């Protein structure tokens, strides 16, 4: 057994530009509308508890978010 780390980024917003979960198959992530925010998630890695987070995973999600929502701005949380 090993650990699995999931990555996501979140954007605070009054109303998400979508009303249901959208999957970008070519980029491998999901856009999830939530109350007061929208989350981009879906990438994981397997590694030990000592493995530091990979900032490139967050950057990949941010690029994917901009491909679907060009004017989205910067994430509020990772």
PDB file of N, CA and C in Angstrom:
ATOM      1  N   UNK A   1       0.825  -1.174   0.000  1.00  0.00           N
ATOM      2  CA  UNK A   1       0.000   0.000   0.000  1.00  0.00           C
ATOM      3  C   UNK A   1       0.871   1.239   0.000  1.00  0.00           C
ATOM      4  N   UNK A   2       0.338   2.292  -0.580  1.00  0.00           N
ATOM      5  CA  UNK A   2       1.066   3.551  -0.626  1.00  0.00           C
ATOM      6  C   UNK A   2       0.067   4.695  -0.498  1.00  0.00           C
ATOM      7  N   UNK A   3       0.580   5.886  -0.408  1.00  0.00           N
ATOM      8  CA  UNK A   3      -0.293   7.052  -0.263  1.00  0.00           C
ATOM      9  C   UNK A   3      -0.670   7.606  -1.633  1.00  0.00           C
ATOM     10  N   UNK A   4      -1.818   8.235  -1.692  1.00  0.00           N
ATOM     11  CA  UNK A   4      -2.269   8.908  -2.906  1.00  0.00           C
ATOM     12  C   UNK A   4      -2.589  10.349  -2.538  1.00  0.00           C
ATOM     13  N   UNK A   5      -2.007  11.278  -3.276  1.00  0.00           N
ATOM     14  CA  UNK A   5      -2.259  12.695  -3.044  1.00  0.00           C
ATOM     15  C   UNK A   5      -3.077  13.233  -4.213  1.00  0.00           C
ATOM     16  N   UNK A   6      -4.193  13.862  -3.889  1.00  0.00           N
ATOM     17  CA  UNK A   6      -5.016  14.511  -4.902  1.00  0.00           C
ATOM     18  C   UNK A   6      -4.713  15.998  -4.935  1.00  0.00           C
ATOM     19  N   UNK A   7      -4.869  16.591  -6.089  1.00  0.00           N
ATOM     20  CA  UNK A   7      -4.621  18.019  -6.267  1.00  0.00           C
ATOM     21  C   UNK A   7      -5.892  18.703  -6.738  1.00  0.00           C
ATOM     22  N   UNK A   8      -6.105  19.914  -6.287  1.00  0.00           N
ATOM     23  CA  UNK A   8      -7.209  20.734  -6.776  1.00  0.00           C
ATOM     24  C   UNK A   8      -6.854  22.203  -6.590  1.00  0.00           C
ATOM     25  N   UNK A   9      -7.554  23.044  -7.334  1.00  0.00           N
ATOM     26  CA  UNK A   9      -7.486  24.489  -7.148  1.00  0.00           C
ATOM     27  C   UNK A   9      -8.923  24.987  -7.068  1.00  0.00           C
ATOM     28  N   UNK A  10      -9.120  26.091  -6.354  1.00  0.00           N
ATOM     29  CA  UNK A  10     -10.458  26.640  -6.203  1.00  0.00           C
ATOM     30  C   UNK A  10     -10.472  28.135  -6.508  1.00  0.00           C
ATOM     31  N   UNK A  11     -11.574  28.549  -7.109  1.00  0.00           N
ATOM     32  CA  UNK A  11     -11.813  29.948  -7.442  1.00  0.00           C
ATOM     33  C   UNK A  11     -13.057  30.404  -6.696  1.00  0.00           C
ATOM     34  N   UNK A  12     -12.926  31.441  -5.878  1.00  0.00           N
ATOM     35  CA  UNK A  12     -14.094  32.024  -5.221  1.00  0.00           C
ATOM     36  C   UNK A  12     -14.894  32.811  -6.249  1.00  0.00           C
ATOM     37  N   UNK A  13     -16.217  32.652  -6.237  1.00  0.00           N
ATOM     38  CA  UNK A  13     -17.084  33.388  -7.155  1.00  0.00           C
ATOM     39  C   UNK A  13     -18.517  33.313  -6.665  1.00  0.00           C
ATOM     40  N   UNK A  14     -19.274  34.336  -6.966  1.00  0.00           N
ATOM     41  CA  UNK A  14     -20.679  34.353  -6.564  1.00  0.00           C
ATOM     42  C   UNK A  14     -21.454  33.235  -7.253  1.00  0.00           C
ATOM     43  N   UNK A  15     -21.228  33.081  -8.548  1.00  0.00           N
ATOM     44  CA  UNK A  15     -21.922  32.045  -9.318  1.00  0.00           C
ATOM     45  C   UNK A  15     -20.945  31.440 -10.315  1.00  0.00           C
ATOM     46  N   UNK A  16     -20.799  30.136 -10.278  1.00  0.00           N
ATOM     47  CA  UNK A  16     -19.920  29.446 -11.223  1.00  0.00           C
ATOM     48  C   UNK A  16     -20.497  29.569 -12.629  1.00  0.00           C
ATOM     49  N   UNK A  17     -19.635  29.584 -13.648  1.00  0.00           N
ATOM     50  CA  UNK A  17     -20.118  29.699 -15.027  1.00  0.00           C
ATOM     51  C   UNK A  17     -20.753  28.406 -15.559  1.00  0.00           C
ATOM     52  N   UNK A  18     -20.768  27.370 -14.755  1.00  0.00           N
ATOM     53  CA  UNK A  18     -21.404  26.099 -15.128  1.00  0.00           C
ATOM     54  C   UNK A  18     -22.359  25.694 -14.013  1.00  0.00           C
ATOM     55  N   UNK A  19     -23.301  24.823 -14.335  1.00  0.00           N
ATOM     56  CA  UNK A  19     -24.284  24.394 -13.334  1.00  0.00           C
ATOM     57  C   UNK A  19     -24.111  22.940 -12.914  1.00  0.00           C
ATOM     58  N   UNK A  20     -23.252  22.211 -13.617  1.00  0.00           N
ATOM     59  CA  UNK A  20     -22.989  20.817 -13.255  1.00  0.00           C
ATOM     60  C   UNK A  20     -21.529  20.502 -13.552  1.00  0.00           C
ATOM     61  N   UNK A  21     -21.075  19.368 -13.099  1.00  0.00           N
ATOM     62  CA  UNK A  21     -19.675  18.961 -13.280  1.00  0.00           C
ATOM     63  C   UNK A  21     -19.373  18.821 -14.767  1.00  0.00           C
ATOM     64  N   UNK A  22     -18.214  19.358 -15.162  1.00  0.00           N
ATOM     65  CA  UNK A  22     -17.752  19.269 -16.544  1.00  0.00           C
ATOM     66  C   UNK A  22     -16.382  18.603 -16.527  1.00  0.00           C
ATOM     67  N   UNK A  23     -16.175  17.659 -17.438  1.00  0.00           N
ATOM     68  CA  UNK A  23     -14.893  16.972 -17.539  1.00  0.00           C
ATOM     69  C   UNK A  23     -14.181  17.383 -18.813  1.00  0.00           C
ATOM     70  N   UNK A  24     -12.950  17.821 -18.678  1.00  0.00           N
ATOM     71  CA  UNK A  24     -12.105  18.085 -19.838  1.00  0.00           C
ATOM     72  C   UNK A  24     -11.316  16.810 -20.104  1.00  0.00           C
ATOM     73  N   UNK A  25     -11.814  15.985 -20.991  1.00  0.00           N
ATOM     74  CA  UNK A  25     -11.194  14.690 -21.256  1.00  0.00           C
ATOM     75  C   UNK A  25      -9.770  14.856 -21.761  1.00  0.00           C
ATOM     76  N   UNK A  26      -9.545  15.815 -22.641  1.00  0.00           N
ATOM     77  CA  UNK A  26      -8.204  15.990 -23.209  1.00  0.00           C
ATOM     78  C   UNK A  26      -7.183  16.463 -22.177  1.00  0.00           C
ATOM     79  N   UNK A  27      -7.644  17.158 -21.141  1.00  0.00           N
ATOM     80  CA  UNK A  27      -6.724  17.655 -20.107  1.00  0.00           C
ATOM     81  C   UNK A  27      -6.769  16.834 -18.821  1.00  0.00           C
ATOM     82  N   UNK A  28      -7.761  15.970 -18.689  1.00  0.00           N
ATOM     83  CA  UNK A  28      -7.806  15.046 -17.559  1.00  0.00           C
ATOM     84  C   UNK A  28      -8.162  15.657 -16.218  1.00  0.00           C
ATOM     85  N   UNK A  29      -9.131  16.584 -16.186  1.00  0.00           N
ATOM     86  CA  UNK A  29      -9.562  17.137 -14.912  1.00  0.00           C
ATOM     87  C   UNK A  29     -11.049  17.455 -14.977  1.00  0.00           C
ATOM     88  N   UNK A  30     -11.628  17.763 -13.828  1.00  0.00           N
ATOM     89  CA  UNK A  30     -13.035  18.114 -13.707  1.00  0.00           C
ATOM     90  C   UNK A  30     -13.177  19.538 -13.193  1.00  0.00           C
ATOM     91  N   UNK A  31     -14.184  20.245 -13.712  1.00  0.00           N
ATOM     92  CA  UNK A  31     -14.588  21.537 -13.173  1.00  0.00           C
ATOM     93  C   UNK A  31     -15.871  21.278 -12.390  1.00  0.00           C
ATOM     94  N   UNK A  32     -15.865  21.635 -11.100  1.00  0.00           N
ATOM     95  CA  UNK A  32     -16.969  21.301 -10.208  1.00  0.00           C
ATOM     96  C   UNK A  32     -17.549  22.585  -9.612  1.00  0.00           C
ATOM     97  N   UNK A  33     -18.794  22.937  -9.975  1.00  0.00           N
ATOM     98  CA  UNK A  33     -19.405  24.115  -9.359  1.00  0.00           C
ATOM     99  C   UNK A  33     -19.800  23.799  -7.918  1.00  0.00           C
ATOM    100  N   UNK A  34     -19.535  24.733  -7.027  1.00  0.00           N
ATOM    101  CA  UNK A  34     -19.851  24.575  -5.618  1.00  0.00           C
ATOM    102  C   UNK A  34     -20.440  25.890  -5.116  1.00  0.00           C
ATOM    103  N   UNK A  35     -21.029  25.869  -3.951  1.00  0.00           N
ATOM    104  CA  UNK A  35     -21.615  27.090  -3.389  1.00  0.00           C
ATOM    105  C   UNK A  35     -20.516  28.112  -3.112  1.00  0.00           C
ATOM    106  N   UNK A  36     -20.515  29.215  -3.855  1.00  0.00           N
ATOM    107  CA  UNK A  36     -19.549  30.282  -3.641  1.00  0.00           C
ATOM    108  C   UNK A  36     -18.186  30.058  -4.250  1.00  0.00           C
ATOM    109  N   UNK A  37     -18.024  28.991  -5.000  1.00  0.00           N
ATOM    110  CA  UNK A  37     -16.707  28.737  -5.599  1.00  0.00           C
ATOM    111  C   UNK A  37     -16.819  27.679  -6.702  1.00  0.00           C
ATOM    112  N   UNK A  38     -15.709  27.501  -7.430  1.00  0.00           N
ATOM    113  CA  UNK A  38     -15.612  26.438  -8.418  1.00  0.00           C
ATOM    114  C   UNK A  38     -14.269  25.744  -8.206  1.00  0.00           C
ATOM    115  N   UNK A  39     -14.300  24.430  -8.235  1.00  0.00           N
ATOM    116  CA  UNK A  39     -13.095  23.626  -7.999  1.00  0.00           C
ATOM    117  C   UNK A  39     -12.685  22.923  -9.283  1.00  0.00           C
ATOM    118  N   UNK A  40     -11.373  22.919  -9.544  1.00  0.00           N
ATOM    119  CA  UNK A  40     -10.775  22.131 -10.621  1.00  0.00           C
ATOM    120  C   UNK A  40      -9.998  21.013  -9.944  1.00  0.00           C
ATOM    121  N   UNK A  41     -10.313  19.781 -10.285  1.00  0.00           N
ATOM    122  CA  UNK A  41      -9.690  18.646  -9.606  1.00  0.00           C
ATOM    123  C   UNK A  41      -9.608  17.452 -10.535  1.00  0.00           C
ATOM    124  N   UNK A  42      -8.847  16.449 -10.098  1.00  0.00           N
ATOM    125  CA  UNK A  42      -8.829  15.201 -10.842  1.00  0.00           C
ATOM    126  C   UNK A  42      -7.458  14.618 -11.065  1.00  0.00           C
ATOM    127  N   UNK A  43      -6.429  15.314 -10.653  1.00  0.00           N
ATOM    128  CA  UNK A  43      -5.094  14.764 -10.839  1.00  0.00           C
ATOM    129  C   UNK A  43      -4.574  14.240  -9.499  1.00  0.00           C
ATOM    130  N   UNK A  44      -3.950  13.082  -9.528  1.00  0.00           N
ATOM    131  CA  UNK A  44      -3.404  12.468  -8.320  1.00  0.00           C
ATOM    132  C   UNK A  44      -2.010  11.933  -8.610  1.00  0.00           C
ATOM    133  N   UNK A  45      -1.279  11.658  -7.543  1.00  0.00           N
ATOM    134  CA  UNK A  45       0.015  10.992  -7.668  1.00  0.00           C
ATOM    135  C   UNK A  45       0.159   9.991  -6.537  1.00  0.00           C
ATOM    136  N   UNK A  46       0.904   8.960  -6.785  1.00  0.00           N
ATOM    137  CA  UNK A  46       1.212   7.963  -5.769  1.00  0.00           C
ATOM    138  C   UNK A  46       2.612   8.228  -5.273  1.00  0.00           C
ATOM    139  N   UNK A  47       2.780   8.242  -3.973  1.00  0.00           N
ATOM    140  CA  UNK A  47       4.094   8.497  -3.397  1.00  0.00           C
ATOM    141  C   UNK A  47       4.037   8.363  -1.895  1.00  0.00           C
ATOM    142  N   UNK A  48       5.165   8.540  -1.281  1.00  0.00           N
ATOM    143  CA  UNK A  48       5.235   8.397   0.170  1.00  0.00           C
ATOM    144  C   UNK A  48       4.694   9.639   0.865  1.00  0.00           C
ATOM    145  N   UNK A  49       4.490   9.521   2.159  1.00  0.00           N
ATOM    146  CA  UNK A  49       4.047  10.681   2.944  1.00  0.00           C
ATOM    147  C   UNK A  49       5.107  11.779   2.964  1.00  0.00           C
ATOM    148  N   UNK A  50       6.344  11.418   2.689  1.00  0.00           N
ATOM    149  CA  UNK A  50       7.436  12.395   2.717  1.00  0.00           C
ATOM    150  C   UNK A  50       7.606  13.129   1.389  1.00  0.00           C
ATOM    151  N   UNK A  51       6.931  12.685   0.349  1.00  0.00           N
ATOM    152  CA  UNK A  51       7.037  13.338  -0.950  1.00  0.00           C
ATOM    153  C   UNK A  51       6.397  14.719  -0.883  1.00  0.00           C
ATOM    154  N   UNK A  52       7.138  15.780  -1.246  1.00  0.00           N
ATOM    155  CA  UNK A  52       6.543  17.121  -1.185  1.00  0.00           C
ATOM    156  C   UNK A  52       5.513  17.309  -2.303  1.00  0.00           C
ATOM    157  N   UNK A  53       4.554  18.206  -2.107  1.00  0.00           N
ATOM    158  CA  UNK A  53       3.589  18.495  -3.173  1.00  0.00           C
ATOM    159  C   UNK A  53       4.293  18.987  -4.437  1.00  0.00           C
ATOM    160  N   UNK A  54       3.747  18.652  -5.585  1.00  0.00           N
ATOM    161  CA  UNK A  54       4.312  19.039  -6.870  1.00  0.00           C
ATOM    162  C   UNK A  54       3.581  20.278  -7.391  1.00  0.00           C
ATOM    163  N   UNK A  55       4.217  21.454  -7.373  1.00  0.00           N
ATOM    164  CA  UNK A  55       3.545  22.679  -7.818  1.00  0.00           C
ATOM    165  C   UNK A  55       3.141  22.628  -9.290  1.00  0.00           C
ATOM    166  N   UNK A  56       3.781  21.786 -10.078  1.00  0.00           N
ATOM    167  CA  UNK A  56       3.419  21.662 -11.488  1.00  0.00           C
ATOM    168  C   UNK A  56       2.019  21.094 -11.663  1.00  0.00           C
ATOM    169  N   UNK A  57       1.549  20.299 -10.719  1.00  0.00           N
ATOM    170  CA  UNK A  57       0.181  19.764 -10.789  1.00  0.00           C
ATOM    171  C   UNK A  57      -0.839  20.899 -10.680  1.00  0.00           C
ATOM    172  N   UNK A  58      -0.585  21.837  -9.771  1.00  0.00           N
ATOM    173  CA  UNK A  58      -1.492  22.979  -9.637  1.00  0.00           C
ATOM    174  C   UNK A  58      -1.445  23.857 -10.891  1.00  0.00           C
ATOM    175  N   UNK A  59      -0.252  24.051 -11.443  1.00  0.00           N
ATOM    176  CA  UNK A  59      -0.112  24.860 -12.655  1.00  0.00           C
ATOM    177  C   UNK A  59      -0.848  24.212 -13.825  1.00  0.00           C
ATOM    178  N   UNK A  60      -0.789  22.878 -13.912  1.00  0.00           N
ATOM    179  CA  UNK A  60      -1.494  22.171 -14.965  1.00  0.00           C
ATOM    180  C   UNK A  60      -3.005  22.389 -14.854  1.00  0.00           C
ATOM    181  N   UNK A  61      -3.534  22.322 -13.624  1.00  0.00           N
ATOM    182  CA  UNK A  61      -4.958  22.563 -13.416  1.00  0.00           C
ATOM    183  C   UNK A  61      -5.328  24.005 -13.767  1.00  0.00           C
ATOM    184  N   UNK A  62      -4.461  24.934 -13.435  1.00  0.00           N
ATOM    185  CA  UNK A  62      -4.730  26.343 -13.751  1.00  0.00           C
ATOM    186  C   UNK A  62      -4.758  26.568 -15.261  1.00  0.00           C
ATOM    187  N   UNK A  63      -3.824  25.974 -15.994  1.00  0.00           N
ATOM    188  CA  UNK A  63      -3.842  26.081 -17.461  1.00  0.00           C
ATOM    189  C   UNK A  63      -5.115  25.466 -18.026  1.00  0.00           C
ATOM    190  N   UNK A  64      -5.514  24.327 -17.473  1.00  0.00           N
ATOM    191  CA  UNK A  64      -6.746  23.691 -17.923  1.00  0.00           C
ATOM    192  C   UNK A  64      -7.964  24.542 -17.650  1.00  0.00           C
ATOM    193  N   UNK A  65      -7.997  25.173 -16.486  1.00  0.00           N
ATOM    194  CA  UNK A  65      -9.120  26.053 -16.145  1.00  0.00           C
ATOM    195  C   UNK A  65      -9.212  27.202 -17.140  1.00  0.00           C
ATOM    196  N   UNK A  66      -8.072  27.779 -17.495  1.00  0.00           N
ATOM    197  CA  UNK A  66      -8.069  28.892 -18.455  1.00  0.00           C
ATOM    198  C   UNK A  66      -8.471  28.446 -19.854  1.00  0.00           C
ATOM    199  N   UNK A  67      -8.208  27.181 -20.175  1.00  0.00           N
ATOM    200  CA  UNK A  67      -8.615  26.702 -21.501  1.00  0.00           C
ATOM    201  C   UNK A  67     -10.138  26.627 -21.604  1.00  0.00           C
ATOM    202  N   UNK A  68     -10.813  26.339 -20.488  1.00  0.00           N
ATOM    203  CA  UNK A  68     -12.281  26.281 -20.484  1.00  0.00           C
ATOM    204  C   UNK A  68     -12.914  27.628 -20.179  1.00  0.00           C
ATOM    205  N   UNK A  69     -12.262  28.390 -19.310  1.00  0.00           N
ATOM    206  CA  UNK A  69     -12.803  29.674 -18.838  1.00  0.00           C
ATOM    207  C   UNK A  69     -11.703  30.736 -18.959  1.00  0.00           C
ATOM    208  N   UNK A  70     -11.526  31.319 -20.141  1.00  0.00           N
ATOM    209  CA  UNK A  70     -10.380  32.223 -20.399  1.00  0.00           C
ATOM    210  C   UNK A  70     -10.233  33.394 -19.433  1.00  0.00           C
ATOM    211  N   UNK A  71     -11.307  33.887 -18.864  1.00  0.00           N
ATOM    212  CA  UNK A  71     -11.239  35.066 -17.987  1.00  0.00           C
ATOM    213  C   UNK A  71     -11.318  34.719 -16.504  1.00  0.00           C
ATOM    214  N   UNK A  72     -10.923  33.536 -16.130  1.00  0.00           N
ATOM    215  CA  UNK A  72     -11.148  33.060 -14.764  1.00  0.00           C
ATOM    216  C   UNK A  72     -10.247  33.711 -13.713  1.00  0.00           C
ATOM    217  N   UNK A  73      -9.105  34.222 -14.084  1.00  0.00           N
ATOM    218  CA  UNK A  73      -8.217  34.827 -13.093  1.00  0.00           C
ATOM    219  C   UNK A  73      -7.339  33.802 -12.400  1.00  0.00           C
ATOM    220  N   UNK A  74      -6.842  34.152 -11.227  1.00  0.00           N
ATOM    221  CA  UNK A  74      -5.952  33.274 -10.465  1.00  0.00           C
ATOM    222  C   UNK A  74      -6.744  32.514  -9.412  1.00  0.00           C
ATOM    223  N   UNK A  75      -6.315  31.285  -9.093  1.00  0.00           N
ATOM    224  CA  UNK A  75      -7.022  30.520  -8.063  1.00  0.00           C
ATOM    225  C   UNK A  75      -6.892  31.174  -6.696  1.00  0.00           C
ATOM    226  N   UNK A  76      -7.909  30.982  -5.878  1.00  0.00           N
ATOM    227  CA  UNK A  76      -7.897  31.498  -4.508  1.00  0.00           C
ATOM    228  C   UNK A  76      -7.302  30.505  -3.529  1.00  0.00           C
ATOM    229  N   UNK A  77      -7.331  29.236  -3.860  1.00  0.00           N
ATOM    230  CA  UNK A  77      -6.802  28.183  -2.981  1.00  0.00           C
ATOM    231  C   UNK A  77      -6.287  27.009  -3.796  1.00  0.00           C
ATOM    232  N   UNK A  78      -5.333  26.299  -3.178  1.00  0.00           N
ATOM    233  CA  UNK A  78      -4.879  25.021  -3.735  1.00  0.00           C
ATOM    234  C   UNK A  78      -5.023  23.955  -2.676  1.00  0.00           C
TER     235      UNK A  78
END
